[in-house]
PDB file of all heavy atoms in Angstrom:
ATOM      1  N   ALA A   1      97.482 134.148 111.804  1.00  0.00           N
ATOM      2  CA  ALA A   1      97.244 133.210 112.906  1.00  0.00           C
ATOM      3  C   ALA A   1      98.553 132.511 113.248  1.00  0.00           C
ATOM      4  O   ALA A   1      99.296 132.099 112.360  1.00  0.00           O
ATOM      5  CB  ALA A   1      96.184 132.188 112.514  1.00  0.00           C
ATOM      6  N   VAL A   2      98.835 132.397 114.541  1.00  0.00           N
ATOM      7  CA  VAL A   2     100.069 131.768 115.004  1.00  0.00           C
ATOM      8  C   VAL A   2      99.702 130.569 115.876  1.00  0.00           C
ATOM      9  O   VAL A   2      98.884 130.687 116.791  1.00  0.00           O
ATOM     10  CB  VAL A   2     100.934 132.769 115.802  1.00  0.00           C
ATOM     11  CG1 VAL A   2     102.194 132.084 116.326  1.00  0.00           C
ATOM     12  CG2 VAL A   2     101.301 133.972 114.936  1.00  0.00           C
ATOM     13  N   TYR A   3     100.333 129.430 115.606  1.00  0.00           N
ATOM     14  CA  TYR A   3     100.072 128.229 116.397  1.00  0.00           C
ATOM     15  C   TYR A   3     100.606 128.383 117.822  1.00  0.00           C
ATOM     16  O   TYR A   3     101.562 129.130 118.074  1.00  0.00           O
ATOM     17  CB  TYR A   3     100.688 127.011 115.716  1.00  0.00           C
ATOM     18  CG  TYR A   3      99.865 126.497 114.555  1.00  0.00           C
ATOM     19  CD1 TYR A   3     100.211 126.785 113.236  1.00  0.00           C
ATOM     20  CD2 TYR A   3      98.727 125.729 114.777  1.00  0.00           C
ATOM     21  CE1 TYR A   3      99.459 126.310 112.166  1.00  0.00           C
ATOM     22  CE2 TYR A   3      97.963 125.254 113.715  1.00  0.00           C
ATOM     23  CZ  TYR A   3      98.329 125.547 112.424  1.00  0.00           C
ATOM     24  OH  TYR A   3      97.568 125.094 111.368  1.00  0.00           O
ATOM     25  N   ASP A   4     100.000 127.658 118.758  1.00  0.00           N
ATOM     26  CA  ASP A   4     100.307 127.816 120.178  1.00  0.00           C
ATOM     27  C   ASP A   4     101.749 127.462 120.527  1.00  0.00           C
ATOM     28  O   ASP A   4     102.310 128.012 121.470  1.00  0.00           O
ATOM     29  CB  ASP A   4      99.359 126.952 121.023  1.00  0.00           C
ATOM     30  CG  ASP A   4      97.922 127.453 120.998  1.00  0.00           C
ATOM     31  OD1 ASP A   4      97.728 128.645 120.671  1.00  0.00           O
ATOM     32  OD2 ASP A   4      97.012 126.663 121.294  1.00  0.00           O
ATOM     33  N   ASN A   5     102.342 126.528 119.786  1.00  0.00           N
ATOM     34  CA  ASN A   5     103.707 126.088 120.104  1.00  0.00           C
ATOM     35  C   ASN A   5     104.771 126.891 119.364  1.00  0.00           C
ATOM     36  O   ASN A   5     105.936 126.489 119.311  1.00  0.00           O
ATOM     37  CB  ASN A   5     103.876 124.606 119.796  1.00  0.00           C
ATOM     38  CG  ASN A   5     103.695 124.280 118.322  1.00  0.00           C
ATOM     39  OD1 ASN A   5     103.042 125.023 117.586  1.00  0.00           O
ATOM     40  ND2 ASN A   5     104.267 123.172 117.877  1.00  0.00           N
ATOM     41  N   VAL A   6     104.369 128.025 118.807  1.00  0.00           N
ATOM     42  CA  VAL A   6     105.272 128.855 118.002  1.00  0.00           C
ATOM     43  C   VAL A   6     105.342 130.271 118.572  1.00  0.00           C
ATOM     44  O   VAL A   6     104.330 130.831 118.994  1.00  0.00           O
ATOM     45  CB  VAL A   6     104.785 128.929 116.539  1.00  0.00           C
ATOM     46  CG1 VAL A   6     105.585 129.956 115.741  1.00  0.00           C
ATOM     47  CG2 VAL A   6     104.877 127.561 115.870  1.00  0.00           C
ATOM     48  N   TYR A   7     106.549 130.819 118.621  1.00  0.00           N
ATOM     49  CA  TYR A   7     106.748 132.253 118.852  1.00  0.00           C
ATOM     50  C   TYR A   7     107.235 132.827 117.536  1.00  0.00           C
ATOM     51  O   TYR A   7     108.365 132.583 117.108  1.00  0.00           O
ATOM     52  CB  TYR A   7     107.763 132.484 119.965  1.00  0.00           C
ATOM     53  CG  TYR A   7     108.096 133.941 120.226  1.00  0.00           C
ATOM     54  CD1 TYR A   7     107.115 134.853 120.626  1.00  0.00           C
ATOM     55  CD2 TYR A   7     109.404 134.399 120.087  1.00  0.00           C
ATOM     56  CE1 TYR A   7     107.433 136.185 120.868  1.00  0.00           C
ATOM     57  CE2 TYR A   7     109.735 135.727 120.341  1.00  0.00           C
ATOM     58  CZ  TYR A   7     108.741 136.612 120.727  1.00  0.00           C
ATOM     59  OH  TYR A   7     109.055 137.934 120.984  1.00  0.00           O
ATOM     60  N   SER A   8     106.366 133.545 116.838  1.00  0.00           N
ATOM     61  CA  SER A   8     106.693 134.043 115.509  1.00  0.00           C
ATOM     62  C   SER A   8     107.626 135.244 115.586  1.00  0.00           C
ATOM     63  O   SER A   8     107.492 136.101 116.465  1.00  0.00           O
ATOM     64  CB  SER A   8     105.418 134.446 114.759  1.00  0.00           C
ATOM     65  OG  SER A   8     105.740 134.997 113.490  1.00  0.00           O
ATOM     66  N   ALA A   9     108.553 135.312 114.650  1.00  0.00           N
ATOM     67  CA  ALA A   9     109.410 136.493 114.541  1.00  0.00           C
ATOM     68  C   ALA A   9     108.692 137.651 113.864  1.00  0.00           C
ATOM     69  O   ALA A   9     109.192 138.770 113.860  1.00  0.00           O
ATOM     70  CB  ALA A   9     110.686 136.147 113.768  1.00  0.00           C
ATOM     71  N   PHE A  10     107.526 137.399 113.271  1.00  0.00           N
ATOM     72  CA  PHE A  10     106.700 138.412 112.602  1.00  0.00           C
ATOM     73  C   PHE A  10     107.510 139.296 111.660  1.00  0.00           C
ATOM     74  O   PHE A  10     107.472 140.511 111.727  1.00  0.00           O
ATOM     75  CB  PHE A  10     105.921 139.251 113.605  1.00  0.00           C
ATOM     76  CG  PHE A  10     104.519 138.738 113.813  1.00  0.00           C
ATOM     77  CD1 PHE A  10     104.148 138.141 114.998  1.00  0.00           C
ATOM     78  CD2 PHE A  10     103.578 138.818 112.789  1.00  0.00           C
ATOM     79  CE1 PHE A  10     102.867 137.632 115.181  1.00  0.00           C
ATOM     80  CE2 PHE A  10     102.299 138.315 112.946  1.00  0.00           C
ATOM     81  CZ  PHE A  10     101.939 137.715 114.153  1.00  0.00           C
ATOM     82  N   HIS A  11     108.215 138.624 110.753  1.00  0.00           N
ATOM     83  CA  HIS A  11     108.862 139.378 109.673  1.00  0.00           C
ATOM     84  C   HIS A  11     107.825 140.087 108.811  1.00  0.00           C
ATOM     85  O   HIS A  11     108.054 141.210 108.355  1.00  0.00           O
ATOM     86  CB  HIS A  11     109.700 138.424 108.820  1.00  0.00           C
ATOM     87  CG  HIS A  11     110.125 138.987 107.504  1.00  0.00           C
ATOM     88  ND1 HIS A  11     110.781 140.194 107.388  1.00  0.00           N
ATOM     89  CD2 HIS A  11     109.961 138.531 106.233  1.00  0.00           C
ATOM     90  CE1 HIS A  11     111.018 140.450 106.113  1.00  0.00           C
ATOM     91  NE2 HIS A  11     110.524 139.468 105.392  1.00  0.00           N
ATOM     92  N   LEU A  12     106.691 139.433 108.578  1.00  0.00           N
ATOM     93  CA  LEU A  12     105.626 140.003 107.749  1.00  0.00           C
ATOM     94  C   LEU A  12     104.299 139.951 108.491  1.00  0.00           C
ATOM     95  O   LEU A  12     104.072 139.053 109.312  1.00  0.00           O
ATOM     96  CB  LEU A  12     105.475 139.217 106.435  1.00  0.00           C
ATOM     97  CG  LEU A  12     106.680 139.127 105.514  1.00  0.00           C
ATOM     98  CD1 LEU A  12     106.385 138.166 104.356  1.00  0.00           C
ATOM     99  CD2 LEU A  12     107.079 140.496 104.986  1.00  0.00           C
ATOM    100  N   TYR A  13     103.431 140.903 108.167  1.00  0.00           N
ATOM    101  CA  TYR A  13     102.057 140.902 108.668  1.00  0.00           C
ATOM    102  C   TYR A  13     101.148 140.871 107.446  1.00  0.00           C
ATOM    103  O   TYR A  13     101.028 141.863 106.722  1.00  0.00           O
ATOM    104  CB  TYR A  13     101.779 142.138 109.516  1.00  0.00           C
ATOM    105  CG  TYR A  13     100.417 142.114 110.183  1.00  0.00           C
ATOM    106  CD1 TYR A  13     100.257 141.576 111.460  1.00  0.00           C
ATOM    107  CD2 TYR A  13      99.289 142.612 109.535  1.00  0.00           C
ATOM    108  CE1 TYR A  13      99.010 141.544 112.085  1.00  0.00           C
ATOM    109  CE2 TYR A  13      98.035 142.574 110.142  1.00  0.00           C
ATOM    110  CZ  TYR A  13      97.912 142.046 111.413  1.00  0.00           C
ATOM    111  OH  TYR A  13      96.674 142.008 112.029  1.00  0.00           O
ATOM    112  N   VAL A  14     100.539 139.700 107.201  1.00  0.00           N
ATOM    113  CA  VAL A  14      99.752 139.484 105.984  1.00  0.00           C
ATOM    114  C   VAL A  14      98.283 139.309 106.337  1.00  0.00           C
ATOM    115  O   VAL A  14      97.928 138.485 107.182  1.00  0.00           O
ATOM    116  CB  VAL A  14     100.248 138.241 105.219  1.00  0.00           C
ATOM    117  CG1 VAL A  14      99.446 138.057 103.930  1.00  0.00           C
ATOM    118  CG2 VAL A  14     101.737 138.361 104.898  1.00  0.00           C
ATOM    119  N   ILE A  15      97.441 140.091 105.676  1.00  0.00           N
ATOM    120  CA  ILE A  15      95.998 139.908 105.788  1.00  0.00           C
ATOM    121  C   ILE A  15      95.482 139.278 104.501  1.00  0.00           C
ATOM    122  O   ILE A  15      96.163 139.303 103.472  1.00  0.00           O
ATOM    123  CB  ILE A  15      95.259 141.233 106.059  1.00  0.00           C
ATOM    124  CG1 ILE A  15      95.459 142.220 104.894  1.00  0.00           C
ATOM    125  CG2 ILE A  15      95.722 141.846 107.378  1.00  0.00           C
ATOM    126  CD1 ILE A  15      94.602 143.474 104.999  1.00  0.00           C
ATOM    127  N   GLN A  16      94.284 138.706 104.562  1.00  0.00           N
ATOM    128  CA  GLN A  16      93.621 138.195 103.369  1.00  0.00           C
ATOM    129  C   GLN A  16      92.252 138.837 103.234  1.00  0.00           C
ATOM    130  O   GLN A  16      91.531 138.981 104.224  1.00  0.00           O
ATOM    131  CB  GLN A  16      93.468 136.673 103.433  1.00  0.00           C
ATOM    132  CG  GLN A  16      94.764 135.919 103.260  1.00  0.00           C
ATOM    133  CD  GLN A  16      94.512 134.445 103.031  1.00  0.00           C
ATOM    134  OE1 GLN A  16      94.239 134.000 101.924  1.00  0.00           O
ATOM    135  NE2 GLN A  16      94.605 133.677 104.107  1.00  0.00           N
ATOM    136  N   VAL A  17      91.935 139.211 101.997  1.00  0.00           N
ATOM    137  CA  VAL A  17      90.642 139.828 101.697  1.00  0.00           C
ATOM    138  C   VAL A  17      90.012 139.040 100.545  1.00  0.00           C
ATOM    139  O   VAL A  17      90.663 138.210  99.914  1.00  0.00           O
ATOM    140  CB  VAL A  17      90.812 141.307 101.316  1.00  0.00           C
ATOM    141  CG1 VAL A  17      91.543 142.062 102.419  1.00  0.00           C
ATOM    142  CG2 VAL A  17      91.567 141.463  99.996  1.00  0.00           C
ATOM    143  N   GLU A  18      88.768 139.305 100.268  1.00  0.00           N
ATOM    144  CA  GLU A  18      88.123 138.608  99.166  1.00  0.00           C
ATOM    145  C   GLU A  18      88.835 138.914  97.847  1.00  0.00           C
ATOM    146  O   GLU A  18      89.231 140.054  97.594  1.00  0.00           O
ATOM    147  CB  GLU A  18      86.651 139.000  99.073  1.00  0.00           C
ATOM    148  CG  GLU A  18      85.813 138.468 100.236  1.00  0.00           C
ATOM    149  CD  GLU A  18      85.906 136.962 100.385  1.00  0.00           C
ATOM    150  OE1 GLU A  18      85.837 136.248  99.360  1.00  0.00           O
ATOM    151  OE2 GLU A  18      86.083 136.483 101.528  1.00  0.00           O
ATOM    152  N   THR A  19      88.980 137.902  97.023  1.00  0.00           N
ATOM    153  CA  THR A  19      89.767 138.010  95.795  1.00  0.00           C
ATOM    154  C   THR A  19      89.306 139.162  94.911  1.00  0.00           C
ATOM    155  O   THR A  19      90.131 139.938  94.387  1.00  0.00           O
ATOM    156  CB  THR A  19      89.686 136.700  94.999  1.00  0.00           C
ATOM    157  OG1 THR A  19      90.138 135.626  95.823  1.00  0.00           O
ATOM    158  CG2 THR A  19      90.531 136.768  93.740  1.00  0.00           C
ATOM    159  N   GLU A  20      87.991 139.314  94.762  1.00  0.00           N
ATOM    160  CA  GLU A  20      87.478 140.352  93.864  1.00  0.00           C
ATOM    161  C   GLU A  20      87.726 141.763  94.402  1.00  0.00           C
ATOM    162  O   GLU A  20      87.639 142.746  93.671  1.00  0.00           O
ATOM    163  CB  GLU A  20      85.980 140.139  93.609  1.00  0.00           C
ATOM    164  CG  GLU A  20      85.102 140.209  94.835  1.00  0.00           C
ATOM    165  CD  GLU A  20      84.954 138.860  95.535  1.00  0.00           C
ATOM    166  OE1 GLU A  20      85.738 137.941  95.226  1.00  0.00           O
ATOM    167  OE2 GLU A  20      84.068 138.749  96.403  1.00  0.00           O
ATOM    168  N   GLN A  21      88.049 141.872  95.685  1.00  0.00           N
ATOM    169  CA  GLN A  21      88.320 143.180  96.291  1.00  0.00           C
ATOM    170  C   GLN A  21      89.797 143.515  96.338  1.00  0.00           C
ATOM    171  O   GLN A  21      90.164 144.677  96.511  1.00  0.00           O
ATOM    172  CB  GLN A  21      87.784 143.216  97.733  1.00  0.00           C
ATOM    173  CG  GLN A  21      86.306 142.995  97.893  1.00  0.00           C
ATOM    174  CD  GLN A  21      85.906 142.956  99.366  1.00  0.00           C
ATOM    175  OE1 GLN A  21      86.751 142.818 100.253  1.00  0.00           O
ATOM    176  NE2 GLN A  21      84.625 143.091  99.617  1.00  0.00           N
ATOM    177  N   ARG A  22      90.645 142.487  96.190  1.00  0.00           N
ATOM    178  CA  ARG A  22      92.057 142.662  96.530  1.00  0.00           C
ATOM    179  C   ARG A  22      92.749 143.772  95.729  1.00  0.00           C
ATOM    180  O   ARG A  22      93.382 144.667  96.294  1.00  0.00           O
ATOM    181  CB  ARG A  22      92.806 141.336  96.369  1.00  0.00           C
ATOM    182  CG  ARG A  22      94.113 141.268  97.176  1.00  0.00           C
ATOM    183  CD  ARG A  22      95.317 141.734  96.397  1.00  0.00           C
ATOM    184  NE  ARG A  22      95.538 140.931  95.222  1.00  0.00           N
ATOM    185  CZ  ARG A  22      96.254 139.810  95.216  1.00  0.00           C
ATOM    186  NH1 ARG A  22      96.786 139.341  96.319  1.00  0.00           N
ATOM    187  NH2 ARG A  22      96.426 139.148  94.073  1.00  0.00           N
ATOM    188  N   SER A  23      92.632 143.765  94.416  1.00  0.00           N
ATOM    189  CA  SER A  23      93.375 144.732  93.599  1.00  0.00           C
ATOM    190  C   SER A  23      92.985 146.165  93.914  1.00  0.00           C
ATOM    191  O   SER A  23      93.850 147.034  94.114  1.00  0.00           O
ATOM    192  CB  SER A  23      93.153 144.441  92.113  1.00  0.00           C
ATOM    193  OG  SER A  23      93.752 143.244  91.741  1.00  0.00           O
ATOM    194  N   ALA A  24      91.687 146.437  93.990  1.00  0.00           N
ATOM    195  CA  ALA A  24      91.228 147.803  94.263  1.00  0.00           C
ATOM    196  C   ALA A  24      91.650 148.249  95.657  1.00  0.00           C
ATOM    197  O   ALA A  24      92.106 149.393  95.842  1.00  0.00           O
ATOM    198  CB  ALA A  24      89.713 147.886  94.113  1.00  0.00           C
ATOM    199  N   ARG A  25      91.510 147.369  96.638  1.00  0.00           N
ATOM    200  CA  ARG A  25      91.887 147.731  98.015  1.00  0.00           C
ATOM    201  C   ARG A  25      93.399 147.902  98.141  1.00  0.00           C
ATOM    202  O   ARG A  25      93.871 148.775  98.872  1.00  0.00           O
ATOM    203  CB  ARG A  25      91.383 146.653  98.982  1.00  0.00           C
ATOM    204  CG  ARG A  25      89.859 146.453  98.964  1.00  0.00           C
ATOM    205  CD  ARG A  25      89.118 147.629  99.589  1.00  0.00           C
ATOM    206  NE  ARG A  25      87.671 147.507  99.470  1.00  0.00           N
ATOM    207  CZ  ARG A  25      86.874 146.910 100.354  1.00  0.00           C
ATOM    208  NH1 ARG A  25      87.399 146.332 101.422  1.00  0.00           N
ATOM    209  NH2 ARG A  25      85.566 146.881 100.171  1.00  0.00           N
ATOM    210  N   PHE A  26      94.154 147.063  97.447  1.00  0.00           N
ATOM    211  CA  PHE A  26      95.615 147.166  97.438  1.00  0.00           C
ATOM    212  C   PHE A  26      96.043 148.553  96.944  1.00  0.00           C
ATOM    213  O   PHE A  26      96.865 149.237  97.572  1.00  0.00           O
ATOM    214  CB  PHE A  26      96.191 146.070  96.544  1.00  0.00           C
ATOM    215  CG  PHE A  26      97.692 145.909  96.594  1.00  0.00           C
ATOM    216  CD1 PHE A  26      98.270 144.928  97.377  1.00  0.00           C
ATOM    217  CD2 PHE A  26      98.527 146.738  95.846  1.00  0.00           C
ATOM    218  CE1 PHE A  26      99.649 144.774  97.415  1.00  0.00           C
ATOM    219  CE2 PHE A  26      99.903 146.595  95.882  1.00  0.00           C
ATOM    220  CZ  PHE A  26     100.472 145.599  96.670  1.00  0.00           C
ATOM    221  N   GLU A  27      95.482 148.970  95.821  1.00  0.00           N
ATOM    222  CA  GLU A  27      95.850 150.268  95.249  1.00  0.00           C
ATOM    223  C   GLU A  27      95.384 151.419  96.132  1.00  0.00           C
ATOM    224  O   GLU A  27      96.067 152.444  96.240  1.00  0.00           O
ATOM    225  CB  GLU A  27      95.277 150.402  93.838  1.00  0.00           C
ATOM    226  CG  GLU A  27      95.815 149.386  92.841  1.00  0.00           C
ATOM    227  CD  GLU A  27      97.334 149.410  92.724  1.00  0.00           C
ATOM    228  OE1 GLU A  27      97.932 150.497  92.868  1.00  0.00           O
ATOM    229  OE2 GLU A  27      97.914 148.330  92.485  1.00  0.00           O
ATOM    230  N   LYS A  28      94.238 151.277  96.773  1.00  0.00           N
ATOM    231  CA  LYS A  28      93.738 152.325  97.670  1.00  0.00           C
ATOM    232  C   LYS A  28      94.642 152.470  98.884  1.00  0.00           C
ATOM    233  O   LYS A  28      94.930 153.606  99.314  1.00  0.00           O
ATOM    234  CB  LYS A  28      92.306 151.997  98.113  1.00  0.00           C
ATOM    235  CG  LYS A  28      91.642 153.109  98.920  1.00  0.00           C
ATOM    236  CD  LYS A  28      91.457 154.365  98.097  1.00  0.00           C
ATOM    237  CE  LYS A  28      90.706 155.445  98.867  1.00  0.00           C
ATOM    238  NZ  LYS A  28      90.578 156.702  98.090  1.00  0.00           N
ATOM    239  N   LEU A  29      95.104 151.368  99.441  1.00  0.00           N
ATOM    240  CA  LEU A  29      96.039 151.424 100.564  1.00  0.00           C
ATOM    241  C   LEU A  29      97.316 152.161 100.169  1.00  0.00           C
ATOM    242  O   LEU A  29      97.842 152.992 100.932  1.00  0.00           O
ATOM    243  CB  LEU A  29      96.362 150.010 101.050  1.00  0.00           C
ATOM    244  CG  LEU A  29      95.225 149.252 101.742  1.00  0.00           C
ATOM    245  CD1 LEU A  29      95.570 147.771 101.866  1.00  0.00           C
ATOM    246  CD2 LEU A  29      94.924 149.839 103.123  1.00  0.00           C
ATOM    247  N   LYS A  30      97.821 151.888  98.977  1.00  0.00           N
ATOM    248  CA  LYS A  30      99.018 152.584  98.487  1.00  0.00           C
ATOM    249  C   LYS A  30      98.741 154.076  98.313  1.00  0.00           C
ATOM    250  O   LYS A  30      99.562 154.925  98.694  1.00  0.00           O
ATOM    251  CB  LYS A  30      99.476 151.983  97.157  1.00  0.00           C
ATOM    252  CG  LYS A  30     100.140 150.624  97.280  1.00  0.00           C
ATOM    253  CD  LYS A  30     100.578 150.081  95.935  1.00  0.00           C
ATOM    254  CE  LYS A  30     101.670 150.909  95.316  1.00  0.00           C
ATOM    255  NZ  LYS A  30     102.152 150.323  94.034  1.00  0.00           N
ATOM    256  N   GLU A  31      97.590 154.393  97.745  1.00  0.00           N
ATOM    257  CA  GLU A  31      97.208 155.789  97.521  1.00  0.00           C
ATOM    258  C   GLU A  31      97.165 156.567  98.828  1.00  0.00           C
ATOM    259  O   GLU A  31      97.508 157.760  98.870  1.00  0.00           O
ATOM    260  CB  GLU A  31      95.832 155.819  96.845  1.00  0.00           C
ATOM    261  CG  GLU A  31      95.299 157.203  96.525  1.00  0.00           C
ATOM    262  CD  GLU A  31      93.894 157.121  95.959  1.00  0.00           C
ATOM    263  OE1 GLU A  31      93.619 156.213  95.140  1.00  0.00           O
ATOM    264  OE2 GLU A  31      93.066 157.973  96.349  1.00  0.00           O
ATOM    265  N   LEU A  32      96.793 155.884  99.913  1.00  0.00           N
ATOM    266  CA  LEU A  32      96.671 156.537 101.221  1.00  0.00           C
ATOM    267  C   LEU A  32      97.953 156.449 102.049  1.00  0.00           C
ATOM    268  O   LEU A  32      97.951 156.801 103.236  1.00  0.00           O
ATOM    269  CB  LEU A  32      95.498 155.933 101.992  1.00  0.00           C
ATOM    270  CG  LEU A  32      94.119 156.197 101.381  1.00  0.00           C
ATOM    271  CD1 LEU A  32      93.030 155.461 102.151  1.00  0.00           C
ATOM    272  CD2 LEU A  32      93.825 157.703 101.341  1.00  0.00           C
ATOM    273  N   GLY A  33      99.045 155.960 101.437  1.00  0.00           N
ATOM    274  CA  GLY A  33     100.345 156.083 102.093  1.00  0.00           C
ATOM    275  C   GLY A  33     100.913 154.835 102.727  1.00  0.00           C
ATOM    276  O   GLY A  33     101.905 154.924 103.462  1.00  0.00           O
ATOM    277  N   LEU A  34     100.341 153.672 102.457  1.00  0.00           N
ATOM    278  CA  LEU A  34     100.910 152.437 102.988  1.00  0.00           C
ATOM    279  C   LEU A  34     101.637 151.682 101.872  1.00  0.00           C
ATOM    280  O   LEU A  34     101.045 151.399 100.824  1.00  0.00           O
ATOM    281  CB  LEU A  34      99.820 151.534 103.579  1.00  0.00           C
ATOM    282  CG  LEU A  34      98.971 152.113 104.709  1.00  0.00           C
ATOM    283  CD1 LEU A  34      98.120 151.012 105.334  1.00  0.00           C
ATOM    284  CD2 LEU A  34      99.824 152.796 105.772  1.00  0.00           C
ATOM    285  N   GLY A  35     102.874 151.346 102.105  1.00  0.00           N
ATOM    286  CA  GLY A  35     103.678 150.638 101.110  1.00  0.00           C
ATOM    287  C   GLY A  35     103.399 149.147 101.146  1.00  0.00           C
ATOM    288  O   GLY A  35     104.287 148.338 101.453  1.00  0.00           O
ATOM    289  N   VAL A  36     102.179 148.769 100.825  1.00  0.00           N
ATOM    290  CA  VAL A  36     101.773 147.364 100.871  1.00  0.00           C
ATOM    291  C   VAL A  36     102.509 146.561  99.794  1.00  0.00           C
ATOM    292  O   VAL A  36     103.031 147.114  98.824  1.00  0.00           O
ATOM    293  CB  VAL A  36     100.243 147.228 100.709  1.00  0.00           C
ATOM    294  CG1 VAL A  36      99.537 147.769 101.940  1.00  0.00           C
ATOM    295  CG2 VAL A  36      99.758 147.952  99.454  1.00  0.00           C
ATOM    296  N   ASN A  37     102.516 145.240  99.994  1.00  0.00           N
ATOM    297  CA  ASN A  37     103.232 144.377  99.061  1.00  0.00           C
ATOM    298  C   ASN A  37     102.508 143.037  98.984  1.00  0.00           C
ATOM    299  O   ASN A  37     101.503 142.840  99.680  1.00  0.00           O
ATOM    300  CB  ASN A  37     104.679 144.187  99.528  1.00  0.00           C
ATOM    301  CG  ASN A  37     105.641 143.964  98.370  1.00  0.00           C
ATOM    302  OD1 ASN A  37     105.281 143.349  97.373  1.00  0.00           O
ATOM    303  ND2 ASN A  37     106.861 144.439  98.516  1.00  0.00           N
ATOM    304  N   LEU A  38     103.016 142.131  98.151  1.00  0.00           N
ATOM    305  CA  LEU A  38     102.455 140.793  98.035  1.00  0.00           C
ATOM    306  C   LEU A  38     103.556 139.766  98.257  1.00  0.00           C
ATOM    307  O   LEU A  38     104.551 139.750  97.542  1.00  0.00           O
ATOM    308  CB  LEU A  38     101.827 140.572  96.657  1.00  0.00           C
ATOM    309  CG  LEU A  38     101.372 139.132  96.346  1.00  0.00           C
ATOM    310  CD1 LEU A  38     100.366 138.653  97.376  1.00  0.00           C
ATOM    311  CD2 LEU A  38     100.806 139.027  94.942  1.00  0.00           C
ATOM    312  N   HIS A  39     103.359 138.914  99.234  1.00  0.00           N
ATOM    313  CA  HIS A  39     104.266 137.799  99.534  1.00  0.00           C
ATOM    314  C   HIS A  39     103.436 136.521  99.615  1.00  0.00           C
ATOM    315  O   HIS A  39     102.773 136.299 100.615  1.00  0.00           O
ATOM    316  CB  HIS A  39     104.984 138.020 100.852  1.00  0.00           C
ATOM    317  CG  HIS A  39     105.853 139.227 100.897  1.00  0.00           C
ATOM    318  ND1 HIS A  39     105.374 140.468 101.258  1.00  0.00           N
ATOM    319  CD2 HIS A  39     107.170 139.392 100.607  1.00  0.00           C
ATOM    320  CE1 HIS A  39     106.371 141.343 101.209  1.00  0.00           C
ATOM    321  NE2 HIS A  39     107.466 140.722 100.812  1.00  0.00           N
ATOM    322  N   TYR A  40     103.422 135.687  98.599  1.00  0.00           N
ATOM    323  CA  TYR A  40     104.162 135.766  97.350  1.00  0.00           C
ATOM    324  C   TYR A  40     103.230 135.343  96.213  1.00  0.00           C
ATOM    325  O   TYR A  40     102.195 134.722  96.448  1.00  0.00           O
ATOM    326  CB  TYR A  40     105.354 134.809  97.375  1.00  0.00           C
ATOM    327  CG  TYR A  40     106.441 135.201  98.314  1.00  0.00           C
ATOM    328  CD1 TYR A  40     106.506 134.645  99.581  1.00  0.00           C
ATOM    329  CD2 TYR A  40     107.405 136.129  97.931  1.00  0.00           C
ATOM    330  CE1 TYR A  40     107.520 135.008 100.442  1.00  0.00           C
ATOM    331  CE2 TYR A  40     108.430 136.488  98.789  1.00  0.00           C
ATOM    332  CZ  TYR A  40     108.476 135.928 100.057  1.00  0.00           C
ATOM    333  OH  TYR A  40     109.480 136.283 100.922  1.00  0.00           O
ATOM    334  N   ILE A  41     103.630 135.613  94.980  1.00  0.00           N
ATOM    335  CA  ILE A  41     103.029 134.936  93.834  1.00  0.00           C
ATOM    336  C   ILE A  41     103.597 133.521  93.845  1.00  0.00           C
ATOM    337  O   ILE A  41     104.820 133.340  93.886  1.00  0.00           O
ATOM    338  CB  ILE A  41     103.384 135.660  92.529  1.00  0.00           C
ATOM    339  CG1 ILE A  41     102.810 137.084  92.538  1.00  0.00           C
ATOM    340  CG2 ILE A  41     102.880 134.878  91.321  1.00  0.00           C
ATOM    341  CD1 ILE A  41     103.282 137.943  91.393  1.00  0.00           C
TER     342      ILE A  41
END
């Protein structure tokens, strides 16, 4: 989400998913060819 008074440079595109789903979905995305990452711990 981007605030109305901001033009984002969109260095990153981050989605959020339910916590209990995150690890399995993260690994599945990688398995299917997307170099997903975590920004940040």
